[in-house]
């Protein structure tokens, strides 16, 4: 492990010492997050949303859009599949699952982003109605777009430690701002999950009020950008195993 990756791990360990670990243990739920980068300027900017301060879970924190995997994500059609190299990396992190789960996680990241921000990421396409499940995906598709998974990268994987009030097995994806095909209004506001959205230079994002894991993923993202951002790069996996916090690469 390099000094840089050790610092990522140390940061998570230090944060965990301050948290309540007295809750009954539970199986982590699959979740997906989408990091959107805009490369139009001299420095990449990243989209961050500030969670509603009235919410119990991470109130007021800046986070990437994302949330739990939903059964409908396994049913949604796509315009293009995941790149083979990205799917291979995902399957390495899903030893007891298959290609359908890998695909569903990528779709969950796009769906959650649409729900929380109003941003429709995809390409102009009309899917057959039987390929669009009822609910949020119908709201997404009405704008005339279909998910294009070929533009996504998989950059990090983290599991919430045991005995926390909520546990997630989260997969972090990255997409470019050019994937945004439509912007719906009225999604962000004082009663919504996100009360504001900001595009902030990647080098400045860590100045925001962030959850520790978001800070760590930003560190990983910065390192990945500097390394050329290729799909062949190994993906870090953060978890607690037998009482010790670990960073592995797969």
Protein backbone atom coordinates (compact mmCIF):
# COMPACT_ATOMS: atom_id res chain seq x y z
CA UNK A 1 0.00 0.00 0.00
CA UNK A 2 1.34 3.46 -0.93
CA UNK A 3 1.50 6.39 1.50
CA UNK A 4 -1.38 7.97 -0.40
CA UNK A 5 -3.71 4.98 -0.15
CA UNK A 6 -2.73 4.50 3.49
CA UNK A 7 -3.86 8.08 4.19
CA UNK A 8 -7.25 7.28 2.63
CA UNK A 9 -7.66 4.30 4.95
CA UNK A 10 -6.43 6.17 8.02
CA UNK A 11 -9.04 8.85 7.41
CA UNK A 12 -11.85 6.31 7.45
CA UNK A 13 -10.47 4.59 10.56
CA UNK A 14 -10.26 7.89 12.44
CA UNK A 15 -13.84 8.78 11.51
CA UNK A 16 -15.21 5.41 12.63
CA UNK A 17 -13.81 5.87 16.15
CA UNK A 18 -16.18 8.82 16.66
CA UNK A 19 -19.35 7.03 15.54
CA UNK A 20 -21.96 5.06 17.47
CA UNK A 21 -21.48 1.34 16.78
CA UNK A 22 -24.12 0.11 19.22
CA UNK A 23 -26.82 -0.82 16.72
CA UNK A 24 -27.90 -4.39 15.87
CA UNK A 25 -25.92 -5.68 12.94
CA UNK A 26 -27.64 -5.90 9.57
CA UNK A 27 -26.83 -7.01 6.04
CA UNK A 28 -25.72 -4.04 3.89
CA UNK A 29 -28.07 -3.11 1.05
CA UNK A 30 -26.78 -2.70 -2.48
CA UNK A 31 -26.57 0.93 -3.55
CA UNK A 32 -25.07 2.97 -6.39
CA UNK A 33 -23.73 6.49 -6.72
CA UNK A 34 -23.03 8.59 -9.80
CA UNK A 35 -20.18 11.10 -9.87
CA UNK A 36 -20.69 13.53 -12.77
CA UNK A 37 -17.61 15.34 -14.06
CA UNK A 38 -17.62 18.33 -16.40
CA UNK A 39 -14.40 18.65 -18.41
CA UNK A 40 -15.45 21.80 -20.32
CA UNK A 41 -13.15 24.14 -18.35
CA UNK A 42 -9.46 24.17 -17.48
CA UNK A 43 -10.11 21.92 -14.48
CA UNK A 44 -12.77 19.21 -14.10
CA UNK A 45 -15.75 20.20 -11.97
CA UNK A 46 -17.86 17.69 -10.04
CA UNK A 47 -21.57 17.81 -9.25
CA UNK A 48 -22.42 17.73 -5.53
CA UNK A 49 -25.81 17.96 -3.84
CA UNK A 50 -26.45 19.25 -0.32
CA UNK A 51 -28.78 16.96 1.60
CA UNK A 52 -31.78 18.43 3.32
CA UNK A 53 -30.76 19.56 6.86
CA UNK A 54 -34.09 18.23 8.16
CA UNK A 55 -33.25 14.64 7.17
CA UNK A 56 -31.93 12.23 9.80
CA UNK A 57 -29.40 10.59 7.47
CA UNK A 58 -26.36 12.82 6.78
CA UNK A 59 -28.28 16.12 7.24
CA UNK A 60 -26.73 19.09 5.43
CA UNK A 61 -23.86 17.06 3.98
CA UNK A 62 -22.71 17.43 0.37
CA UNK A 63 -22.81 14.10 -1.45
CA UNK A 64 -22.93 12.59 -4.92
CA UNK A 65 -26.40 11.62 -6.19
CA UNK A 66 -27.22 7.99 -5.42
CA UNK A 67 -29.21 5.51 -3.41
CA UNK A 68 -30.43 1.94 -3.00
CA UNK A 69 -30.77 -0.58 -5.77
CA UNK A 70 -34.43 -1.08 -6.66
CA UNK A 71 -35.96 -4.23 -8.23
CA UNK A 72 -37.12 -2.12 -11.22
CA UNK A 73 -33.47 -1.44 -12.09
CA UNK A 74 -33.19 -5.07 -13.19
CA UNK A 75 -36.05 -4.58 -15.66
CA UNK A 76 -35.09 -1.30 -17.37
CA UNK A 77 -33.89 -1.43 -20.97
CA UNK A 78 -30.75 0.36 -22.16
CA UNK A 79 -29.52 1.96 -25.36
CA UNK A 80 -26.00 0.56 -24.90
CA UNK A 81 -24.51 -1.93 -22.38
CA UNK A 82 -21.60 -1.43 -20.02
CA UNK A 83 -18.12 -1.55 -21.57
CA UNK A 84 -16.73 -5.07 -21.24
CA UNK A 85 -13.81 -3.87 -19.09
CA UNK A 86 -16.17 -2.05 -16.70
CA UNK A 87 -18.44 -5.07 -16.40
CA UNK A 88 -15.42 -7.26 -15.69
CA UNK A 89 -14.33 -4.96 -12.84
CA UNK A 90 -17.84 -4.93 -11.40
CA UNK A 91 -18.06 -8.71 -11.48
CA UNK A 92 -14.75 -8.90 -9.60
CA UNK A 93 -16.48 -6.92 -6.83
CA UNK A 94 -19.65 -9.04 -7.07
CA UNK A 95 -18.31 -12.58 -6.55
CA UNK A 96 -21.72 -14.03 -5.71
CA UNK A 97 -23.69 -12.08 -8.29
CA UNK A 98 -23.82 -11.91 -12.08
CA UNK A 99 -24.05 -9.57 -15.04
CA UNK A 100 -27.68 -8.63 -14.31
CA UNK A 101 -26.72 -7.19 -10.91
CA UNK A 102 -23.76 -5.30 -12.41
CA UNK A 103 -26.04 -3.78 -15.04
CA UNK A 104 -28.76 -3.00 -12.47
CA UNK A 105 -26.31 -1.13 -10.24
CA UNK A 106 -25.25 1.11 -13.14
CA UNK A 107 -28.92 1.77 -13.91
CA UNK A 108 -29.63 2.51 -10.23
CA UNK A 109 -26.98 5.24 -10.31
CA UNK A 110 -28.69 6.87 -13.31
CA UNK A 111 -32.20 6.50 -11.84
CA UNK A 112 -31.22 7.91 -8.46
CA UNK A 113 -29.52 10.85 -10.14
CA UNK A 114 -32.72 11.57 -12.06
CA UNK A 115 -34.85 11.30 -8.91
CA UNK A 116 -32.61 13.54 -6.79
CA UNK A 117 -31.47 16.13 -9.34
CA UNK A 118 -33.87 16.05 -12.29
CA UNK A 119 -30.96 15.31 -14.65
CA UNK A 120 -31.72 12.79 -17.39
CA UNK A 121 -28.51 11.04 -18.39
CA UNK A 122 -28.73 9.10 -21.64
CA UNK A 123 -29.04 9.40 -25.39
CA UNK A 124 -32.11 10.22 -27.51
CA UNK A 125 -33.91 6.90 -28.00
CA UNK A 126 -37.37 5.41 -27.66
CA UNK A 127 -37.44 2.09 -25.88
CA UNK A 128 -40.31 -0.35 -26.32
CA UNK A 129 -42.83 0.09 -23.50
CA UNK A 130 -42.32 -3.42 -22.13
CA UNK A 131 -38.67 -2.50 -21.50
CA UNK A 132 -39.62 0.42 -19.24
CA UNK A 133 -40.94 -0.57 -15.78
CA UNK A 134 -43.69 1.42 -14.11
CA UNK A 135 -42.73 4.29 -11.82
CA UNK A 136 -39.68 6.51 -11.95
CA UNK A 137 -38.27 4.90 -15.09
CA UNK A 138 -41.46 5.87 -16.96
CA UNK A 139 -40.96 9.47 -15.78
CA UNK A 140 -37.37 9.30 -17.04
CA UNK A 141 -38.27 7.81 -20.43
CA UNK A 142 -41.02 10.32 -21.20
CA UNK A 143 -38.29 12.84 -22.03
CA UNK A 144 -37.22 10.72 -24.99
CA UNK A 145 -33.97 9.30 -23.67
CA UNK A 146 -32.60 5.86 -22.83
CA UNK A 147 -29.67 4.95 -20.53
CA UNK A 148 -26.30 4.67 -22.28
CA UNK A 149 -24.17 2.55 -19.95
CA UNK A 150 -21.23 2.59 -22.38
CA UNK A 151 -20.25 6.03 -21.06
CA UNK A 152 -19.89 4.95 -17.41
CA UNK A 153 -16.76 4.09 -15.44
CA UNK A 154 -16.60 2.16 -12.13
CA UNK A 155 -14.18 3.80 -9.69
CA UNK A 156 -14.79 2.70 -6.08
CA UNK A 157 -16.64 0.26 -3.82
CA UNK A 158 -17.32 0.69 -0.10
CA UNK A 159 -19.33 -1.14 2.55
CA UNK A 160 -20.57 0.64 5.68
CA UNK A 161 -18.96 -0.96 8.76
CA UNK A 162 -21.02 -3.27 11.02
CA UNK A 163 -23.34 -2.04 13.78
CA UNK A 164 -24.16 1.29 12.15
CA UNK A 165 -27.82 2.44 11.93
CA UNK A 166 -27.78 2.04 8.13
CA UNK A 167 -25.46 -0.13 6.07
CA UNK A 168 -24.87 0.10 2.33
CA UNK A 169 -22.77 -1.87 -0.12
CA UNK A 170 -22.12 1.04 -2.47
CA UNK A 171 -20.71 1.09 -6.00
CA UNK A 172 -19.39 4.43 -7.27
CA UNK A 173 -19.71 5.20 -10.98
CA UNK A 174 -18.45 8.16 -12.99
CA UNK A 175 -20.12 9.79 -15.98
CA UNK A 176 -19.29 12.87 -18.04
CA UNK A 177 -21.55 15.93 -18.04
CA UNK A 178 -22.04 15.42 -21.79
CA UNK A 179 -24.30 12.48 -20.81
CA UNK A 180 -26.90 14.98 -19.54
CA UNK A 181 -29.68 15.03 -22.12
CA UNK A 182 -32.36 16.91 -20.22
CA UNK A 183 -32.67 18.97 -17.02
CA UNK A 184 -36.03 18.85 -15.23
CA UNK A 185 -36.96 21.81 -13.04
CA UNK A 186 -38.61 21.82 -9.63
CA UNK A 187 -36.66 18.86 -8.22
CA UNK A 188 -34.29 20.78 -5.92
CA UNK A 189 -35.76 22.76 -3.03
CA UNK A 190 -36.37 23.12 0.71
CA UNK A 191 -38.70 20.11 0.88
CA UNK A 192 -36.63 17.87 -1.40
CA UNK A 193 -33.80 15.46 -0.68
CA UNK A 194 -31.30 17.96 -2.11
CA UNK A 195 -31.73 21.62 -1.21
CA UNK A 196 -29.04 22.76 -3.64
CA UNK A 197 -26.72 21.52 -6.39
CA UNK A 198 -23.22 22.86 -7.03
CA UNK A 199 -20.63 22.32 -9.72
CA UNK A 200 -17.30 22.71 -7.96
CA UNK A 201 -13.70 22.27 -9.18
CA UNK A 202 -12.43 18.83 -8.24
CA UNK A 203 -9.50 20.38 -6.35
CA UNK A 204 -11.90 22.39 -4.16
CA UNK A 205 -14.64 19.81 -3.54
CA UNK A 206 -13.06 18.53 -0.31
CA UNK A 207 -13.61 21.97 1.27
CA UNK A 208 -17.34 21.22 1.43
CA UNK A 209 -19.02 19.57 4.42
CA UNK A 210 -18.69 15.94 3.29
CA UNK A 211 -19.18 12.48 4.73
CA UNK A 212 -15.81 10.81 5.26
CA UNK A 213 -16.36 8.19 2.56
CA UNK A 214 -17.15 10.95 0.02
CA UNK A 215 -13.85 12.66 0.88
CA UNK A 216 -12.00 9.39 0.41
CA UNK A 217 -13.67 8.72 -2.94
CA UNK A 218 -12.74 12.23 -4.10
CA UNK A 219 -9.13 11.42 -3.21
CA UNK A 220 -9.40 8.20 -5.21
CA UNK A 221 -11.00 10.06 -8.10
CA UNK A 222 -8.23 12.65 -8.18
CA UNK A 223 -5.61 9.89 -8.27
CA UNK A 224 -7.51 8.11 -11.02
CA UNK A 225 -7.76 11.23 -13.18
CA UNK A 226 -4.00 11.72 -12.85
CA UNK A 227 -3.45 8.07 -13.85
CA UNK A 228 -5.36 8.50 -17.10
CA UNK A 229 -8.75 7.20 -15.95
CA UNK A 230 -8.56 3.96 -17.92
CA UNK A 231 -11.08 1.16 -17.42
CA UNK A 232 -8.18 -1.23 -16.89
CA UNK A 233 -7.16 0.45 -13.62
CA UNK A 234 -7.96 -1.63 -10.50
CA UNK A 235 -10.87 -0.43 -8.38
CA UNK A 236 -10.46 0.16 -4.61
CA UNK A 237 -12.72 -1.68 -2.18
CA UNK A 238 -13.15 -0.28 1.36
CA UNK A 239 -14.56 -2.47 4.11
CA UNK A 240 -14.09 -3.55 7.71
CA UNK A 241 -12.99 -7.16 8.03
CA UNK A 242 -12.52 -8.91 11.38
CA UNK A 243 -12.38 -5.58 13.18
CA UNK A 244 -9.83 -3.98 10.85
CA UNK A 245 -10.53 -1.43 8.14
CA UNK A 246 -9.05 -2.46 4.80
CA UNK A 247 -8.48 -1.05 1.34
CA UNK A 248 -8.18 -3.70 -1.35
CA UNK A 249 -7.93 -3.42 -5.13
CA UNK A 250 -9.74 -5.67 -7.58
